[in-house]
Amino acid sequence: MQQYKLRKLNERDRRVIYLLAQGYSNHEIASVLHFSPDTIKCQLSKILKKLDANNRAHAVSLTYGSGLFKKKS
């Protein structure tokens, strides 16, 4: 079931969630991706809905738990 939700994430969603998982704030994510902080806030809201996540930490946990981002060895 979780894999189905992850397939809903587009490339931009994946970049945002990856930076979020690295500890970046909305302002830092916006700077890296060249968007406004408000755009990132809206994007994160959409990501939470797509993943049915309760908050940012839950969204990161779901994506890492799924293997979406592989740890570098």
N, C-alpha and C. Protein backbone atom coordinates (compact mmCIF):
# COMPACT_ATOMS: atom_id res chain seq x y z
N MET A 1 0.82 -1.20 0.00
CA MET A 1 0.00 0.00 0.00
C MET A 1 0.86 1.26 0.00
N GLN A 2 1.93 1.25 0.80
CA GLN A 2 2.79 2.42 0.87
C GLN A 2 3.47 2.70 -0.46
N GLN A 3 3.84 1.65 -1.19
CA GLN A 3 4.47 1.85 -2.50
C GLN A 3 3.54 2.60 -3.44
N TYR A 4 2.24 2.35 -3.35
CA TYR A 4 1.27 3.06 -4.17
C TYR A 4 1.32 4.55 -3.88
N LYS A 5 1.40 4.90 -2.60
CA LYS A 5 1.46 6.32 -2.23
C LYS A 5 2.75 6.95 -2.72
N LEU A 6 3.84 6.22 -2.66
CA LEU A 6 5.12 6.77 -3.11
C LEU A 6 5.13 7.03 -4.60
N ARG A 7 4.41 6.23 -5.36
CA ARG A 7 4.33 6.45 -6.80
C ARG A 7 3.62 7.75 -7.14
N LYS A 8 2.86 8.29 -6.20
CA LYS A 8 2.19 9.57 -6.41
C LYS A 8 3.16 10.74 -6.39
N LEU A 9 4.35 10.53 -5.83
CA LEU A 9 5.33 11.61 -5.72
C LEU A 9 6.02 11.83 -7.06
N ASN A 10 5.98 13.08 -7.53
CA ASN A 10 6.69 13.40 -8.76
C ASN A 10 8.14 13.77 -8.42
N GLU A 11 8.91 14.05 -9.44
CA GLU A 11 10.35 14.32 -9.23
C GLU A 11 10.57 15.51 -8.29
N ARG A 12 9.79 16.55 -8.44
CA ARG A 12 9.92 17.72 -7.56
C ARG A 12 9.60 17.36 -6.12
N ASP A 13 8.55 16.57 -5.92
CA ASP A 13 8.20 16.11 -4.57
C ASP A 13 9.38 15.36 -3.95
N ARG A 14 9.98 14.50 -4.75
CA ARG A 14 11.10 13.68 -4.25
C ARG A 14 12.31 14.53 -3.88
N ARG A 15 12.56 15.58 -4.66
CA ARG A 15 13.67 16.48 -4.33
C ARG A 15 13.39 17.21 -3.02
N VAL A 16 12.15 17.67 -2.86
CA VAL A 16 11.78 18.39 -1.64
C VAL A 16 11.88 17.47 -0.43
N ILE A 17 11.34 16.28 -0.51
CA ILE A 17 11.36 15.36 0.63
C ILE A 17 12.79 14.92 0.94
N TYR A 18 13.62 14.79 -0.08
CA TYR A 18 15.02 14.43 0.15
C TYR A 18 15.73 15.53 0.95
N LEU A 19 15.55 16.78 0.55
CA LEU A 19 16.17 17.89 1.28
C LEU A 19 15.60 18.01 2.68
N LEU A 20 14.32 17.78 2.81
CA LEU A 20 13.69 17.79 4.13
C LEU A 20 14.32 16.74 5.02
N ALA A 21 14.56 15.57 4.47
CA ALA A 21 15.18 14.48 5.23
C ALA A 21 16.61 14.82 5.63
N GLN A 22 17.26 15.70 4.88
CA GLN A 22 18.63 16.12 5.21
C GLN A 22 18.64 17.21 6.28
N GLY A 23 17.46 17.63 6.72
CA GLY A 23 17.37 18.62 7.79
C GLY A 23 17.20 20.06 7.32
N TYR A 24 16.97 20.25 6.03
CA TYR A 24 16.80 21.59 5.50
C TYR A 24 15.46 22.19 5.94
N SER A 25 15.47 23.49 6.20
CA SER A 25 14.24 24.22 6.51
C SER A 25 13.53 24.57 5.20
N ASN A 26 12.31 25.06 5.29
CA ASN A 26 11.58 25.48 4.09
C ASN A 26 12.38 26.54 3.32
N HIS A 27 12.95 27.51 4.04
CA HIS A 27 13.72 28.58 3.40
C HIS A 27 14.96 28.02 2.70
N GLU A 28 15.62 27.06 3.32
CA GLU A 28 16.81 26.45 2.71
C GLU A 28 16.43 25.63 1.48
N ILE A 29 15.34 24.89 1.57
CA ILE A 29 14.87 24.11 0.41
C ILE A 29 14.54 25.06 -0.73
N ALA A 30 13.85 26.15 -0.41
CA ALA A 30 13.48 27.13 -1.42
C ALA A 30 14.72 27.70 -2.11
N SER A 31 15.74 27.98 -1.33
CA SER A 31 16.98 28.53 -1.88
C SER A 31 17.66 27.53 -2.81
N VAL A 32 17.74 26.29 -2.39
CA VAL A 32 18.40 25.26 -3.20
C VAL A 32 17.64 25.01 -4.50
N LEU A 33 16.32 24.97 -4.43
CA LEU A 33 15.51 24.64 -5.61
C LEU A 33 15.05 25.87 -6.41
N HIS A 34 15.42 27.07 -5.92
CA HIS A 34 15.09 28.32 -6.60
C HIS A 34 13.58 28.57 -6.69
N PHE A 35 12.91 28.34 -5.57
CA PHE A 35 11.49 28.65 -5.43
C PHE A 35 11.30 29.55 -4.23
N SER A 36 10.13 30.09 -4.08
CA SER A 36 9.85 30.90 -2.89
C SER A 36 9.54 29.96 -1.72
N PRO A 37 9.77 30.43 -0.50
CA PRO A 37 9.42 29.62 0.67
C PRO A 37 7.93 29.25 0.69
N ASP A 38 7.08 30.16 0.21
CA ASP A 38 5.64 29.85 0.16
C ASP A 38 5.34 28.70 -0.79
N THR A 39 6.07 28.64 -1.90
CA THR A 39 5.90 27.53 -2.86
C THR A 39 6.29 26.21 -2.20
N ILE A 40 7.38 26.23 -1.46
CA ILE A 40 7.84 25.02 -0.79
C ILE A 40 6.84 24.60 0.29
N LYS A 41 6.31 25.57 1.02
CA LYS A 41 5.30 25.27 2.04
C LYS A 41 4.09 24.59 1.40
N CYS A 42 3.65 25.11 0.28
CA CYS A 42 2.52 24.53 -0.44
C CYS A 42 2.86 23.13 -0.95
N GLN A 43 4.07 22.98 -1.50
CA GLN A 43 4.52 21.69 -2.01
C GLN A 43 4.55 20.65 -0.89
N LEU A 44 5.06 21.04 0.28
CA LEU A 44 5.11 20.11 1.41
C LEU A 44 3.71 19.71 1.86
N SER A 45 2.80 20.65 1.83
CA SER A 45 1.42 20.34 2.19
C SER A 45 0.84 19.28 1.24
N LYS A 46 1.13 19.43 -0.05
CA LYS A 46 0.66 18.46 -1.04
C LYS A 46 1.31 17.09 -0.83
N ILE A 47 2.61 17.11 -0.48
CA ILE A 47 3.32 15.85 -0.23
C ILE A 47 2.70 15.13 0.97
N LEU A 48 2.40 15.87 2.02
CA LEU A 48 1.79 15.25 3.21
C LEU A 48 0.46 14.59 2.85
N LYS A 49 -0.32 15.26 2.01
CA LYS A 49 -1.60 14.68 1.58
C LYS A 49 -1.39 13.43 0.73
N LYS A 50 -0.44 13.50 -0.19
CA LYS A 50 -0.18 12.36 -1.07
C LYS A 50 0.26 11.13 -0.27
N LEU A 51 1.05 11.36 0.78
CA LEU A 51 1.57 10.25 1.58
C LEU A 51 0.66 9.89 2.75
N ASP A 52 -0.37 10.70 2.96
CA ASP A 52 -1.25 10.53 4.13
C ASP A 52 -0.41 10.59 5.41
N ALA A 53 0.52 11.54 5.43
CA ALA A 53 1.42 11.72 6.57
C ALA A 53 0.87 12.78 7.51
N ASN A 54 1.14 12.62 8.79
CA ASN A 54 0.66 13.55 9.80
C ASN A 54 1.49 14.83 9.88
N ASN A 55 2.77 14.71 9.58
CA ASN A 55 3.67 15.86 9.68
C ASN A 55 4.93 15.57 8.86
N ARG A 56 5.86 16.54 8.88
CA ARG A 56 7.07 16.43 8.08
C ARG A 56 7.90 15.20 8.47
N ALA A 57 8.05 14.99 9.77
CA ALA A 57 8.84 13.85 10.24
C ALA A 57 8.21 12.53 9.81
N HIS A 58 6.90 12.46 9.85
CA HIS A 58 6.20 11.25 9.42
C HIS A 58 6.43 11.00 7.93
N ALA A 59 6.39 12.07 7.13
CA ALA A 59 6.62 11.93 5.68
C ALA A 59 8.03 11.40 5.41
N VAL A 60 9.01 11.94 6.11
CA VAL A 60 10.40 11.48 5.94
C VAL A 60 10.51 10.02 6.35
N SER A 61 9.91 9.68 7.47
CA SER A 61 9.94 8.30 7.96
C SER A 61 9.33 7.34 6.95
N LEU A 62 8.22 7.72 6.35
CA LEU A 62 7.57 6.86 5.35
C LEU A 62 8.46 6.66 4.13
N THR A 63 9.11 7.71 3.68
CA THR A 63 9.93 7.58 2.48
C THR A 63 11.20 6.79 2.76
N TYR A 64 11.83 7.01 3.90
CA TYR A 64 13.02 6.23 4.24
C TYR A 64 12.65 4.77 4.50
N GLY A 65 11.55 4.56 5.19
CA GLY A 65 11.12 3.20 5.49
C GLY A 65 10.79 2.40 4.24
N SER A 66 10.44 3.09 3.17
CA SER A 66 10.07 2.43 1.93
C SER A 66 11.27 2.10 1.06
N GLY A 67 12.42 2.68 1.39
CA GLY A 67 13.59 2.48 0.55
C GLY A 67 13.67 3.46 -0.61
N LEU A 68 12.84 4.49 -0.59
CA LEU A 68 12.86 5.48 -1.66
C LEU A 68 14.25 6.10 -1.81
N PHE A 69 14.89 6.36 -0.68
CA PHE A 69 16.24 6.90 -0.68
C PHE A 69 17.17 5.86 -0.08
N LYS A 70 18.07 5.40 -0.87
CA LYS A 70 19.03 4.38 -0.42
C LYS A 70 20.19 5.05 0.32
N LYS A 71 20.60 4.43 1.41
CA LYS A 71 21.77 4.92 2.13
C LYS A 71 23.02 4.63 1.32
N LYS A 72 23.93 5.60 1.29
CA LYS A 72 25.19 5.39 0.59
C LYS A 72 26.10 4.56 1.45
N SER A 73 26.80 3.60 0.82
CA SER A 73 27.71 2.75 1.60
C SER A 73 29.14 3.19 1.47
